[in-house]
Amino acid sequence: MAISAQQVKELRERTGAGMMECKTVLTEADGDLEAAIDLLRARGLAKADKKASRVAAEGVIVTALSGDQKRGVVLEVNCETDFVAKNEDFLALAKDCVEQALTQGFKEAGALLADAGVEERRKGLVSKLGENISLRRLQHLQVKEGVIGAYIHGGRIGVLVALEGQAATGELGRDVAMHVAAARPEVIHPGQVSPERLAREKDILIAQAADSGKAADIIEKMISGRLNKLLNEIALTGQPFVKDPDRSVGQLVQGFPGVEVLEFVRFEVGEGIEKAPAADFATEVMAQVRGS
């Protein structure tokens, strides 16, 4: 059958392969674009790396826990659009990667990418879906006596919390992880806030109180109170528990003798990535149709 210039152009945009290679495989595949992509992949001519420079700020956060809940992994897998982030093949890649990372004890995303099978699958999906796909970051938590709690919110926020202590339960771990997802604490305890941060905040409070006209000792008490309030706002243990604001997270954990929060990690899709200006909906849909 006759192969049009538009078909060749679309296949080149999807794969980065040369013009003649694209025309050849399209002819062999009777114009079937997906079959032509498979032929290029089989011959090592599809260039998934062509997409690698494009910003991938959408995607999904996934977690995996060991059967005894003493180990957990959280992974961010990125793509370019929310449309692809909901694709079954993309989600399956993310799920399989986080499970593999847990099974093999990987501590960073680079270990996954170093696996030839994972990288081949990623590149294949780049060619199929037409978007840059990256395994951006991974974190692995582990406890000796306790549990790892996990919580995912809408596929876009993922949290792991390490609770040490024999009285720790999976339900407590999930509750604390849910709280971290919602409240974004910066540290576990107020004492973990750096002296530099404290000094900077105190300077700001002093400047704010300078024109109050109050006596110095009163200003000092005001500053102390406001500083303590700030510390409880940014420290996990001082924050009001999202499911029961009448008690703090610290009070919640104290209800489980000997249990303490050792560590937490919170991933949110695309945080820290500089995104291009959003395209209008029609433009985004056309980009998907064209596989660009």
C-alpha atoms as a PDB file:
ATOM      1  CA  MET A   1       0.000   0.000   0.000  1.00  0.00           C
ATOM      2  CA  ALA A   2       1.058   3.630  -0.510  1.00  0.00           C
ATOM      3  CA  ILE A   3       2.582   5.280   2.556  1.00  0.00           C
ATOM      4  CA  SER A   4       1.871   8.992   2.978  1.00  0.00           C
ATOM      5  CA  ALA A   5       4.371  11.623   4.033  1.00  0.00           C
ATOM      6  CA  GLN A   6       2.156  12.351   7.063  1.00  0.00           C
ATOM      7  CA  GLN A   7       2.441   8.715   8.232  1.00  0.00           C
ATOM      8  CA  VAL A   8       6.226   8.836   7.932  1.00  0.00           C
ATOM      9  CA  LYS A   9       6.325  12.169   9.771  1.00  0.00           C
ATOM     10  CA  GLU A  10       4.188  10.841  12.641  1.00  0.00           C
ATOM     11  CA  LEU A  11       6.308   7.711  13.017  1.00  0.00           C
ATOM     12  CA  ARG A  12       9.510   9.784  13.043  1.00  0.00           C
ATOM     13  CA  GLU A  13       8.057  12.050  15.754  1.00  0.00           C
ATOM     14  CA  ARG A  14       7.048   9.039  17.824  1.00  0.00           C
ATOM     15  CA  THR A  15      10.350   7.178  17.541  1.00  0.00           C
ATOM     16  CA  GLY A  16      13.117   9.472  16.289  1.00  0.00           C
ATOM     17  CA  ALA A  17      14.034   6.891  13.635  1.00  0.00           C
ATOM     18  CA  GLY A  18      15.266   7.923  10.162  1.00  0.00           C
ATOM     19  CA  MET A  19      12.934   8.703   7.271  1.00  0.00           C
ATOM     20  CA  MET A  20      13.849   5.666   5.184  1.00  0.00           C
ATOM     21  CA  GLU A  21      13.586   3.289   8.161  1.00  0.00           C
ATOM     22  CA  CYS A  22      10.150   4.694   8.967  1.00  0.00           C
ATOM     23  CA  LYS A  23       8.927   4.292   5.392  1.00  0.00           C
ATOM     24  CA  THR A  24      10.275   0.753   5.212  1.00  0.00           C
ATOM     25  CA  VAL A  25       8.600  -0.501   8.397  1.00  0.00           C
ATOM     26  CA  LEU A  26       5.335   1.277   7.583  1.00  0.00           C
ATOM     27  CA  THR A  27       5.282  -0.530   4.255  1.00  0.00           C
ATOM     28  CA  GLU A  28       5.980  -3.847   5.990  1.00  0.00           C
ATOM     29  CA  ALA A  29       3.252  -3.130   8.536  1.00  0.00           C
ATOM     30  CA  ASP A  30       0.704  -2.100   5.886  1.00  0.00           C
ATOM     31  CA  GLY A  31       0.504   1.386   7.386  1.00  0.00           C
ATOM     32  CA  ASP A  32      -0.206   0.212  10.949  1.00  0.00           C
ATOM     33  CA  LEU A  33       1.611   2.757  13.135  1.00  0.00           C
ATOM     34  CA  GLU A  34       1.812   0.637  16.292  1.00  0.00           C
ATOM     35  CA  ALA A  35       3.042  -2.406  14.367  1.00  0.00           C
ATOM     36  CA  ALA A  36       5.651  -0.208  12.679  1.00  0.00           C
ATOM     37  CA  ILE A  37       6.842   1.031  16.084  1.00  0.00           C
ATOM     38  CA  ASP A  38       7.212  -2.586  17.247  1.00  0.00           C
ATOM     39  CA  LEU A  39       9.297  -3.372  14.152  1.00  0.00           C
ATOM     40  CA  LEU A  40      11.582  -0.404  14.829  1.00  0.00           C
ATOM     41  CA  ARG A  41      11.976  -1.435  18.451  1.00  0.00           C
ATOM     42  CA  ALA A  42      12.817  -4.996  17.455  1.00  0.00           C
ATOM     43  CA  ARG A  43      15.514  -3.665  15.132  1.00  0.00           C
ATOM     44  CA  GLY A  44      16.860  -1.230  17.710  1.00  0.00           C
ATOM     45  CA  LEU A  45      15.971   1.801  15.608  1.00  0.00           C
ATOM     46  CA  ALA A  46      13.376   3.474  17.844  1.00  0.00           C
ATOM     47  CA  LYS A  47      15.074   6.288  19.717  1.00  0.00           C
ATOM     48  CA  ALA A  48      13.256   6.740  22.997  1.00  0.00           C
ATOM     49  CA  ASP A  49      16.023   9.109  24.036  1.00  0.00           C
ATOM     50  CA  LYS A  50      14.583  11.680  21.612  1.00  0.00           C
ATOM     51  CA  LYS A  51      11.953  12.400  24.254  1.00  0.00           C
ATOM     52  CA  ALA A  52      14.389  12.574  27.168  1.00  0.00           C
ATOM     53  CA  SER A  53      14.922  16.326  27.040  1.00  0.00           C
ATOM     54  CA  ARG A  54      11.223  17.107  27.385  1.00  0.00           C
ATOM     55  CA  VAL A  55       9.841  18.114  30.772  1.00  0.00           C
ATOM     56  CA  ALA A  56       8.099  15.262  32.586  1.00  0.00           C
ATOM     57  CA  ALA A  57       6.308  16.900  35.506  1.00  0.00           C
ATOM     58  CA  GLU A  58       3.155  14.782  35.650  1.00  0.00           C
ATOM     59  CA  GLY A  59       2.988  11.173  36.728  1.00  0.00           C
ATOM     60  CA  VAL A  60       2.248   9.026  39.739  1.00  0.00           C
ATOM     61  CA  ILE A  61       3.555   8.182  43.209  1.00  0.00           C
ATOM     62  CA  VAL A  62       3.471   4.504  44.197  1.00  0.00           C
ATOM     63  CA  THR A  63       4.436   2.633  47.362  1.00  0.00           C
ATOM     64  CA  ALA A  64       5.126  -0.974  48.298  1.00  0.00           C
ATOM     65  CA  LEU A  65       5.428  -2.632  51.713  1.00  0.00           C
ATOM     66  CA  SER A  66       6.949  -5.959  52.691  1.00  0.00           C
ATOM     67  CA  GLY A  67       4.656  -8.588  54.151  1.00  0.00           C
ATOM     68  CA  ASP A  68       5.829  -7.876  57.694  1.00  0.00           C
ATOM     69  CA  GLN A  69       5.587  -4.095  57.085  1.00  0.00           C
ATOM     70  CA  LYS A  70       9.166  -3.587  58.229  1.00  0.00           C
ATOM     71  CA  ARG A  71      10.337  -2.313  54.840  1.00  0.00           C
ATOM     72  CA  GLY A  72       8.751   0.122  52.426  1.00  0.00           C
ATOM     73  CA  VAL A  73       9.537   1.883  49.167  1.00  0.00           C
ATOM     74  CA  VAL A  74       8.048   5.028  47.652  1.00  0.00           C
ATOM     75  CA  LEU A  75       8.705   5.846  43.991  1.00  0.00           C
ATOM     76  CA  GLU A  76       7.862   8.757  41.687  1.00  0.00           C
ATOM     77  CA  VAL A  77       7.433   7.934  37.998  1.00  0.00           C
ATOM     78  CA  ASN A  78       6.960  10.920  35.699  1.00  0.00           C
ATOM     79  CA  CYS A  79       5.486  11.587  32.284  1.00  0.00           C
ATOM     80  CA  GLU A  80       4.547  14.753  30.407  1.00  0.00           C
ATOM     81  CA  THR A  81       0.754  14.859  30.700  1.00  0.00           C
ATOM     82  CA  ASP A  82      -1.980  13.832  33.085  1.00  0.00           C
ATOM     83  CA  PHE A  83      -3.498  11.871  30.190  1.00  0.00           C
ATOM     84  CA  VAL A  84      -0.568   9.436  30.085  1.00  0.00           C
ATOM     85  CA  ALA A  85      -0.374   9.388  33.902  1.00  0.00           C
ATOM     86  CA  LYS A  86      -3.706   7.520  33.822  1.00  0.00           C
ATOM     87  CA  ASN A  87      -2.655   5.066  31.117  1.00  0.00           C
ATOM     88  CA  GLU A  88      -2.836   1.406  32.213  1.00  0.00           C
ATOM     89  CA  ASP A  89       0.583   0.530  30.792  1.00  0.00           C
ATOM     90  CA  PHE A  90       2.194   3.522  32.508  1.00  0.00           C
ATOM     91  CA  LEU A  91       0.583   2.616  35.840  1.00  0.00           C
ATOM     92  CA  ALA A  92       1.637  -1.017  35.438  1.00  0.00           C
ATOM     93  CA  LEU A  93       5.240   0.075  34.868  1.00  0.00           C
ATOM     94  CA  ALA A  94       5.171   2.173  38.042  1.00  0.00           C
ATOM     95  CA  LYS A  95       3.644  -0.655  40.106  1.00  0.00           C
ATOM     96  CA  ASP A  96       6.091  -3.277  38.833  1.00  0.00           C
ATOM     97  CA  CYS A  97       9.072  -0.974  39.374  1.00  0.00           C
ATOM     98  CA  VAL A  98       8.214  -0.191  42.992  1.00  0.00           C
ATOM     99  CA  GLU A  99       7.641  -3.895  43.706  1.00  0.00           C
ATOM    100  CA  GLN A 100      10.989  -4.765  42.129  1.00  0.00           C
ATOM    101  CA  ALA A 101      12.722  -2.046  44.139  1.00  0.00           C
ATOM    102  CA  LEU A 102      11.244  -3.484  47.334  1.00  0.00           C
ATOM    103  CA  THR A 103      12.156  -7.074  46.464  1.00  0.00           C
ATOM    104  CA  GLN A 104      15.726  -6.240  45.489  1.00  0.00           C
ATOM    105  CA  GLY A 105      16.294  -3.676  48.225  1.00  0.00           C
ATOM    106  CA  PHE A 106      17.056  -0.779  45.886  1.00  0.00           C
ATOM    107  CA  LYS A 107      17.798   2.506  47.641  1.00  0.00           C
ATOM    108  CA  GLU A 108      17.609   4.885  44.666  1.00  0.00           C
ATOM    109  CA  ALA A 109      15.910   5.192  41.284  1.00  0.00           C
ATOM    110  CA  GLY A 110      19.224   4.813  39.484  1.00  0.00           C
ATOM    111  CA  ALA A 111      19.383   1.180  40.575  1.00  0.00           C
ATOM    112  CA  LEU A 112      16.125   0.526  38.742  1.00  0.00           C
ATOM    113  CA  LEU A 113      17.318   2.283  35.602  1.00  0.00           C
ATOM    114  CA  ALA A 114      20.505   0.212  35.686  1.00  0.00           C
ATOM    115  CA  ASP A 115      18.358  -2.892  35.268  1.00  0.00           C
ATOM    116  CA  ALA A 116      18.341  -3.694  31.536  1.00  0.00           C
ATOM    117  CA  GLY A 117      14.802  -5.093  31.653  1.00  0.00           C
ATOM    118  CA  VAL A 118      13.375  -1.995  33.340  1.00  0.00           C
ATOM    119  CA  GLU A 119      15.162   0.385  30.964  1.00  0.00           C
ATOM    120  CA  GLU A 120      14.039  -1.556  27.901  1.00  0.00           C
ATOM    121  CA  ARG A 121      10.470  -1.503  29.129  1.00  0.00           C
ATOM    122  CA  ARG A 122      10.654   2.230  29.876  1.00  0.00           C
ATOM    123  CA  LYS A 123      12.006   3.006  26.415  1.00  0.00           C
ATOM    124  CA  GLY A 124       9.363   0.805  24.838  1.00  0.00           C
ATOM    125  CA  LEU A 125       6.657   2.730  26.634  1.00  0.00           C
ATOM    126  CA  VAL A 126       8.201   6.043  25.565  1.00  0.00           C
ATOM    127  CA  SER A 127       7.942   4.900  21.957  1.00  0.00           C
ATOM    128  CA  LYS A 128       4.408   3.598  22.401  1.00  0.00           C
ATOM    129  CA  LEU A 129       2.950   6.565  24.288  1.00  0.00           C
ATOM    130  CA  GLY A 130       5.015   9.309  22.696  1.00  0.00           C
ATOM    131  CA  GLU A 131       6.079  10.980  25.931  1.00  0.00           C
ATOM    132  CA  ASN A 132       9.208  11.233  28.014  1.00  0.00           C
ATOM    133  CA  ILE A 133       8.949   8.859  30.991  1.00  0.00           C
ATOM    134  CA  SER A 134      11.368   8.973  33.910  1.00  0.00           C
ATOM    135  CA  LEU A 135      11.866   7.143  37.171  1.00  0.00           C
ATOM    136  CA  ARG A 136      12.665  10.296  39.081  1.00  0.00           C
ATOM    137  CA  ARG A 137      13.237   9.401  42.731  1.00  0.00           C
ATOM    138  CA  LEU A 138      12.923   6.524  45.165  1.00  0.00           C
ATOM    139  CA  GLN A 139      13.306   6.136  48.895  1.00  0.00           C
ATOM    140  CA  HIS A 140      13.516   2.993  50.998  1.00  0.00           C
ATOM    141  CA  LEU A 141      12.670   2.915  54.730  1.00  0.00           C
ATOM    142  CA  GLN A 142      13.239   0.058  57.162  1.00  0.00           C
ATOM    143  CA  VAL A 143      12.710  -0.631  60.874  1.00  0.00           C
ATOM    144  CA  LYS A 144      13.900  -3.421  63.183  1.00  0.00           C
ATOM    145  CA  GLU A 145      11.011  -3.468  65.661  1.00  0.00           C
ATOM    146  CA  GLY A 146       7.977  -1.614  64.396  1.00  0.00           C
ATOM    147  CA  VAL A 147       6.205  -0.900  61.115  1.00  0.00           C
ATOM    148  CA  ILE A 148       6.428   1.211  58.004  1.00  0.00           C
ATOM    149  CA  GLY A 149       3.184   3.088  57.389  1.00  0.00           C
ATOM    150  CA  ALA A 150       2.182   4.085  53.856  1.00  0.00           C
ATOM    151  CA  TYR A 151      -0.448   6.369  52.391  1.00  0.00           C
ATOM    152  CA  ILE A 152      -1.239   7.443  48.821  1.00  0.00           C
ATOM    153  CA  HIS A 153      -3.528  10.376  48.057  1.00  0.00           C
ATOM    154  CA  GLY A 154      -4.973  10.402  44.571  1.00  0.00           C
ATOM    155  CA  GLY A 155      -1.833   8.884  43.097  1.00  0.00           C
ATOM    156  CA  ARG A 156      -0.139  12.292  43.365  1.00  0.00           C
ATOM    157  CA  ILE A 157       1.067  12.334  46.978  1.00  0.00           C
ATOM    158  CA  GLY A 158       2.802   9.393  48.604  1.00  0.00           C
ATOM    159  CA  VAL A 159       4.119   9.063  52.153  1.00  0.00           C
ATOM    160  CA  LEU A 160       6.135   6.506  54.096  1.00  0.00           C
ATOM    161  CA  VAL A 161       6.520   6.735  57.879  1.00  0.00           C
ATOM    162  CA  ALA A 162       8.916   4.625  59.953  1.00  0.00           C
ATOM    163  CA  LEU A 163       7.565   3.804  63.430  1.00  0.00           C
ATOM    164  CA  GLU A 164       9.943   2.050  65.819  1.00  0.00           C
ATOM    165  CA  GLY A 165       8.613   0.050  68.767  1.00  0.00           C
ATOM    166  CA  GLN A 166       6.880  -3.271  69.286  1.00  0.00           C
ATOM    167  CA  ALA A 167       3.514  -1.629  70.011  1.00  0.00           C
ATOM    168  CA  ALA A 168       3.417   0.076  66.597  1.00  0.00           C
ATOM    169  CA  THR A 169       0.551  -1.015  64.359  1.00  0.00           C
ATOM    170  CA  GLY A 170      -0.174  -0.776  60.654  1.00  0.00           C
ATOM    171  CA  GLU A 171      -3.217   1.369  61.373  1.00  0.00           C
ATOM    172  CA  LEU A 172      -1.148   3.856  63.388  1.00  0.00           C
ATOM    173  CA  GLY A 173       1.439   3.938  60.608  1.00  0.00           C
ATOM    174  CA  ARG A 174      -1.211   4.692  58.001  1.00  0.00           C
ATOM    175  CA  ASP A 175      -2.804   7.388  60.176  1.00  0.00           C
ATOM    176  CA  VAL A 176       0.502   9.183  60.687  1.00  0.00           C
ATOM    177  CA  ALA A 177       1.330   8.847  56.989  1.00  0.00           C
ATOM    178  CA  MET A 178      -2.083  10.300  56.100  1.00  0.00           C
ATOM    179  CA  HIS A 179      -1.386  13.218  58.420  1.00  0.00           C
ATOM    180  CA  VAL A 180       2.007  13.859  56.793  1.00  0.00           C
ATOM    181  CA  ALA A 181       0.343  13.871  53.373  1.00  0.00           C
ATOM    182  CA  ALA A 182      -2.162  16.508  54.497  1.00  0.00           C
ATOM    183  CA  ALA A 183      -0.091  18.706  56.851  1.00  0.00           C
ATOM    184  CA  ARG A 184       3.371  18.729  55.200  1.00  0.00           C
ATOM    185  CA  PRO A 185       5.521  18.747  58.377  1.00  0.00           C
ATOM    186  CA  GLU A 186       9.152  19.754  57.849  1.00  0.00           C
ATOM    187  CA  VAL A 187      10.696  17.833  60.767  1.00  0.00           C
ATOM    188  CA  ILE A 188       9.598  15.225  63.318  1.00  0.00           C
ATOM    189  CA  HIS A 189      10.364  17.134  66.553  1.00  0.00           C
ATOM    190  CA  PRO A 190      10.727  20.884  67.214  1.00  0.00           C
ATOM    191  CA  GLY A 191      14.287  20.216  68.379  1.00  0.00           C
ATOM    192  CA  GLN A 192      15.237  19.184  64.843  1.00  0.00           C
ATOM    193  CA  VAL A 193      14.719  22.700  63.469  1.00  0.00           C
ATOM    194  CA  SER A 194      18.161  24.112  62.687  1.00  0.00           C
ATOM    195  CA  PRO A 195      19.606  26.945  64.838  1.00  0.00           C
ATOM    196  CA  GLU A 196      19.957  29.019  61.667  1.00  0.00           C
ATOM    197  CA  ARG A 197      16.244  28.657  60.909  1.00  0.00           C
ATOM    198  CA  LEU A 198      15.349  29.553  64.492  1.00  0.00           C
ATOM    199  CA  ALA A 199      17.564  32.645  64.420  1.00  0.00           C
ATOM    200  CA  ARG A 200      16.064  33.775  61.129  1.00  0.00           C
ATOM    201  CA  GLU A 201      12.498  33.334  62.367  1.00  0.00           C
ATOM    202  CA  LYS A 202      13.306  35.134  65.605  1.00  0.00           C
ATOM    203  CA  ASP A 203      14.764  38.092  63.685  1.00  0.00           C
ATOM    204  CA  ILE A 204      11.556  38.309  61.667  1.00  0.00           C
ATOM    205  CA  LEU A 205       9.411  38.241  64.810  1.00  0.00           C
ATOM    206  CA  ILE A 206      11.585  40.921  66.462  1.00  0.00           C
ATOM    207  CA  ALA A 207      11.153  43.160  63.416  1.00  0.00           C
ATOM    208  CA  GLN A 208       7.396  42.624  63.482  1.00  0.00           C
ATOM    209  CA  ALA A 209       7.188  43.516  67.186  1.00  0.00           C
ATOM    210  CA  ALA A 210       9.508  46.536  67.014  1.00  0.00           C
ATOM    211  CA  ASP A 211       6.717  49.035  66.425  1.00  0.00           C
ATOM    212  CA  SER A 212       4.311  47.582  68.972  1.00  0.00           C
ATOM    213  CA  GLY A 213       5.270  50.101  71.665  1.00  0.00           C
ATOM    214  CA  LYS A 214       5.295  47.354  74.303  1.00  0.00           C
ATOM    215  CA  ALA A 215       7.956  46.924  76.991  1.00  0.00           C
ATOM    216  CA  ALA A 216      11.003  44.808  76.135  1.00  0.00           C
ATOM    217  CA  ASP A 217      10.063  41.986  78.524  1.00  0.00           C
ATOM    218  CA  ILE A 218       6.571  41.814  77.030  1.00  0.00           C
ATOM    219  CA  ILE A 219       8.014  41.717  73.516  1.00  0.00           C
ATOM    220  CA  GLU A 220      10.357  38.901  74.556  1.00  0.00           C
ATOM    221  CA  LYS A 221       7.403  36.856  75.844  1.00  0.00           C
ATOM    222  CA  MET A 222       5.456  37.569  72.647  1.00  0.00           C
ATOM    223  CA  ILE A 223       8.362  36.411  70.514  1.00  0.00           C
ATOM    224  CA  SER A 224       8.869  33.270  72.611  1.00  0.00           C
ATOM    225  CA  GLY A 225       5.191  32.353  72.318  1.00  0.00           C
ATOM    226  CA  ARG A 226       5.075  32.955  68.584  1.00  0.00           C
ATOM    227  CA  LEU A 227       8.291  30.980  68.059  1.00  0.00           C
ATOM    228  CA  ASN A 228       6.891  28.009  69.970  1.00  0.00           C
ATOM    229  CA  LYS A 229       3.713  28.235  67.908  1.00  0.00           C
ATOM    230  CA  LEU A 230       5.756  28.181  64.707  1.00  0.00           C
ATOM    231  CA  LEU A 231       7.771  25.165  65.853  1.00  0.00           C
ATOM    232  CA  ASN A 232       4.598  23.221  66.547  1.00  0.00           C
ATOM    233  CA  GLU A 233       3.257  24.174  63.135  1.00  0.00           C
ATOM    234  CA  ILE A 234       6.231  22.766  61.239  1.00  0.00           C
ATOM    235  CA  ALA A 235       7.097  19.792  63.503  1.00  0.00           C
ATOM    236  CA  LEU A 236       5.090  16.591  63.065  1.00  0.00           C
ATOM    237  CA  THR A 237       4.700  15.829  66.768  1.00  0.00           C
ATOM    238  CA  GLY A 238       3.334  19.290  67.553  1.00  0.00           C
ATOM    239  CA  GLN A 239       0.748  19.461  64.779  1.00  0.00           C
ATOM    240  CA  PRO A 240      -2.952  18.821  65.526  1.00  0.00           C
ATOM    241  CA  PHE A 241      -3.757  15.324  64.235  1.00  0.00           C
ATOM    242  CA  VAL A 242      -5.877  15.642  61.080  1.00  0.00           C
ATOM    243  CA  LYS A 243      -8.384  12.998  62.184  1.00  0.00           C
ATOM    244  CA  ASP A 244      -8.682  14.395  65.725  1.00  0.00           C
ATOM    245  CA  PRO A 245      -7.509  18.036  66.017  1.00  0.00           C
ATOM    246  CA  ASP A 246      -8.076  18.004  69.791  1.00  0.00           C
ATOM    247  CA  ARG A 247      -4.791  16.124  70.224  1.00  0.00           C
ATOM    248  CA  SER A 248      -1.397  16.429  68.581  1.00  0.00           C
ATOM    249  CA  VAL A 249       0.335  13.760  66.553  1.00  0.00           C
ATOM    250  CA  GLY A 250       2.805  13.472  69.424  1.00  0.00           C
ATOM    251  CA  GLN A 251      -0.055  12.683  71.819  1.00  0.00           C
ATOM    252  CA  LEU A 252      -1.452  10.147  69.352  1.00  0.00           C
ATOM    253  CA  VAL A 253       1.873   8.283  69.185  1.00  0.00           C
ATOM    254  CA  GLN A 254       2.302   8.447  72.969  1.00  0.00           C
ATOM    255  CA  GLY A 255      -0.804   6.284  73.221  1.00  0.00           C
ATOM    256  CA  PHE A 256       1.356   3.410  71.965  1.00  0.00           C
ATOM    257  CA  PRO A 257       3.987   2.743  74.677  1.00  0.00           C
ATOM    258  CA  GLY A 258       7.570   2.795  73.471  1.00  0.00           C
ATOM    259  CA  VAL A 259       6.698   3.852  69.920  1.00  0.00           C
ATOM    260  CA  GLU A 260       8.461   6.755  68.228  1.00  0.00           C
ATOM    261  CA  VAL A 261       8.533   8.222  64.731  1.00  0.00           C
ATOM    262  CA  LEU A 262      12.007   7.613  63.308  1.00  0.00           C
ATOM    263  CA  GLU A 263      11.624   9.052  59.827  1.00  0.00           C
ATOM    264  CA  PHE A 264       9.143  10.079  57.185  1.00  0.00           C
ATOM    265  CA  VAL A 265       9.291  10.834  53.477  1.00  0.00           C
ATOM    266  CA  ARG A 266       6.671  12.703  51.471  1.00  0.00           C
ATOM    267  CA  PHE A 267       6.690  12.745  47.658  1.00  0.00           C
ATOM    268  CA  GLU A 268       4.365  14.879  45.561  1.00  0.00           C
ATOM    269  CA  VAL A 269       4.240  14.533  41.786  1.00  0.00           C
ATOM    270  CA  GLY A 270       6.364  17.110  40.018  1.00  0.00           C
ATOM    271  CA  GLU A 271       7.470  19.083  43.080  1.00  0.00           C
ATOM    272  CA  GLY A 272      10.625  21.004  42.335  1.00  0.00           C
ATOM    273  CA  ILE A 273      10.316  20.573  38.553  1.00  0.00           C
ATOM    274  CA  GLU A 274      10.065  23.752  36.531  1.00  0.00           C
ATOM    275  CA  LYS A 275       7.036  23.271  34.303  1.00  0.00           C
ATOM    276  CA  ALA A 276       6.361  24.802  30.910  1.00  0.00           C
ATOM    277  CA  PRO A 277       3.280  27.049  30.607  1.00  0.00           C
ATOM    278  CA  ALA A 278       0.160  24.906  30.415  1.00  0.00           C
ATOM    279  CA  ALA A 279      -1.286  24.381  26.953  1.00  0.00           C
ATOM    280  CA  ASP A 280      -5.002  24.770  26.401  1.00  0.00           C
ATOM    281  CA  PHE A 281      -7.059  21.570  26.440  1.00  0.00           C
ATOM    282  CA  ALA A 282      -7.505  21.354  22.655  1.00  0.00           C
ATOM    283  CA  THR A 283      -3.765  21.708  22.074  1.00  0.00           C
ATOM    284  CA  GLU A 284      -3.013  19.026  24.672  1.00  0.00           C
ATOM    285  CA  VAL A 285      -5.474  16.585  23.085  1.00  0.00           C
ATOM    286  CA  MET A 286      -4.016  17.192  19.605  1.00  0.00           C
ATOM    287  CA  ALA A 287      -0.531  16.589  20.963  1.00  0.00           C
ATOM    288  CA  GLN A 288      -1.715  13.235  22.297  1.00  0.00           C
ATOM    289  CA  VAL A 289      -3.349  12.329  18.995  1.00  0.00           C
ATOM    290  CA  ARG A 290      -0.174  13.140  17.098  1.00  0.00           C
ATOM    291  CA  GLY A 291       1.985  11.283  19.607  1.00  0.00           C
ATOM    292  CA  SER A 292       4.258  14.274  20.065  1.00  0.00           C
END
